[in-house]
Amino acid sequence: MKTADIDSKLIDSYISLLKNMSAQNKLELISKLTDTVKTEIEKDNTDFYNAFGGWDEKQSAEELIDIIKGSRTYNRTIEEF
């Protein structure tokens, strides 16, 4: 059975359950479903933009370079043979 067939049957079964609901309950359900879709879309957009590793600071490039260089530590030890 194809995924589209399963999805179609699932949607049809939900519709048959929702037929007897009041209009107010249907509107509330629509509102909640809309909210879940919006959060999924926002999460997808956030994940997409975070994948590029962009820097989200308001500092200049020179300030960022100074901060990075200042945070470097050298703890190099020379081992004897």
Protein backbone atom coordinates (compact mmCIF):
# COMPACT_ATOMS: atom_id res chain seq x y z
CA MET A 1 0.00 0.00 0.00
CA LYS A 2 1.36 3.41 -0.96
CA THR A 3 1.88 6.22 1.53
CA ALA A 4 -0.62 8.42 -0.31
CA ASP A 5 -3.30 5.72 0.06
CA ILE A 6 -2.61 5.39 3.79
CA ASP A 7 -2.70 9.16 4.25
CA SER A 8 -5.96 9.41 2.33
CA LYS A 9 -7.59 6.67 4.41
CA LEU A 10 -6.33 8.28 7.62
CA ILE A 11 -7.77 11.65 6.63
CA ASP A 12 -11.09 10.05 5.70
CA SER A 13 -11.30 8.32 9.07
CA TYR A 14 -10.61 11.62 10.87
CA ILE A 15 -13.32 13.34 8.83
CA SER A 16 -15.84 10.68 9.80
CA LEU A 17 -14.97 11.26 13.46
CA LEU A 18 -15.30 15.02 13.12
CA LYS A 19 -18.71 15.04 11.44
CA ASN A 20 -20.60 15.08 14.75
CA MET A 21 -18.51 17.79 16.41
CA SER A 22 -19.98 21.22 17.05
CA ALA A 23 -18.87 24.16 14.95
CA GLN A 24 -17.12 25.73 17.95
CA ASN A 25 -15.12 22.56 18.63
CA LYS A 26 -14.18 22.30 14.95
CA LEU A 27 -12.92 25.89 14.97
CA GLU A 28 -10.90 25.21 18.12
CA LEU A 29 -9.38 22.14 16.49
CA ILE A 30 -8.51 24.14 13.38
CA SER A 31 -6.83 26.77 15.53
CA LYS A 32 -4.73 24.21 17.38
CA LEU A 33 -3.74 22.43 14.17
CA THR A 34 -2.75 25.77 12.64
CA ASP A 35 -0.56 26.56 15.64
CA THR A 36 1.26 23.23 15.35
CA VAL A 37 1.89 23.78 11.65
CA LYS A 38 3.24 27.29 12.32
CA THR A 39 5.68 26.03 14.96
CA GLU A 40 6.87 23.28 12.61
CA ILE A 41 7.46 25.83 9.83
CA GLU A 42 9.31 28.18 12.20
CA LYS A 43 11.47 25.29 13.45
CA ASP A 44 12.26 24.23 9.88
CA ASN A 45 13.26 27.80 8.97
CA THR A 46 15.40 28.13 12.09
CA ASP A 47 17.12 24.81 11.42
CA PHE A 48 17.74 25.83 7.83
CA TYR A 49 19.40 29.13 8.73
CA ASN A 50 21.36 27.60 11.61
CA ALA A 51 22.86 25.05 9.22
CA PHE A 52 25.00 27.73 7.60
CA GLY A 53 26.86 28.73 10.75
CA GLY A 54 26.20 32.43 10.42
CA TRP A 55 27.37 34.68 13.24
CA ASP A 56 24.48 36.43 14.94
CA GLU A 57 26.42 39.09 16.83
CA LYS A 58 26.40 42.83 16.26
CA GLN A 59 30.16 43.16 16.68
CA SER A 60 32.48 44.05 13.86
CA ALA A 61 34.77 41.51 12.26
CA GLU A 62 37.81 43.06 13.91
CA GLU A 63 36.24 42.82 17.37
CA LEU A 64 35.36 39.19 16.79
CA ILE A 65 38.90 38.41 15.64
CA ASP A 66 40.30 40.05 18.79
CA ILE A 67 37.91 38.05 21.00
CA ILE A 68 38.83 34.78 19.29
CA LYS A 69 42.56 35.47 19.46
CA GLY A 70 42.27 36.54 23.09
CA SER A 71 40.53 33.32 24.07
CA ARG A 72 43.23 31.08 22.65
CA THR A 73 45.33 29.23 25.16
CA TYR A 74 48.64 27.55 24.57
CA ASN A 75 49.41 24.67 26.85
CA ARG A 76 51.92 22.93 24.72
CA THR A 77 54.27 20.62 26.54
CA ILE A 78 57.34 19.06 25.04
CA GLU A 79 57.77 15.46 25.98
CA GLU A 80 61.23 14.08 26.46
CA PHE A 81 62.35 10.82 24.92
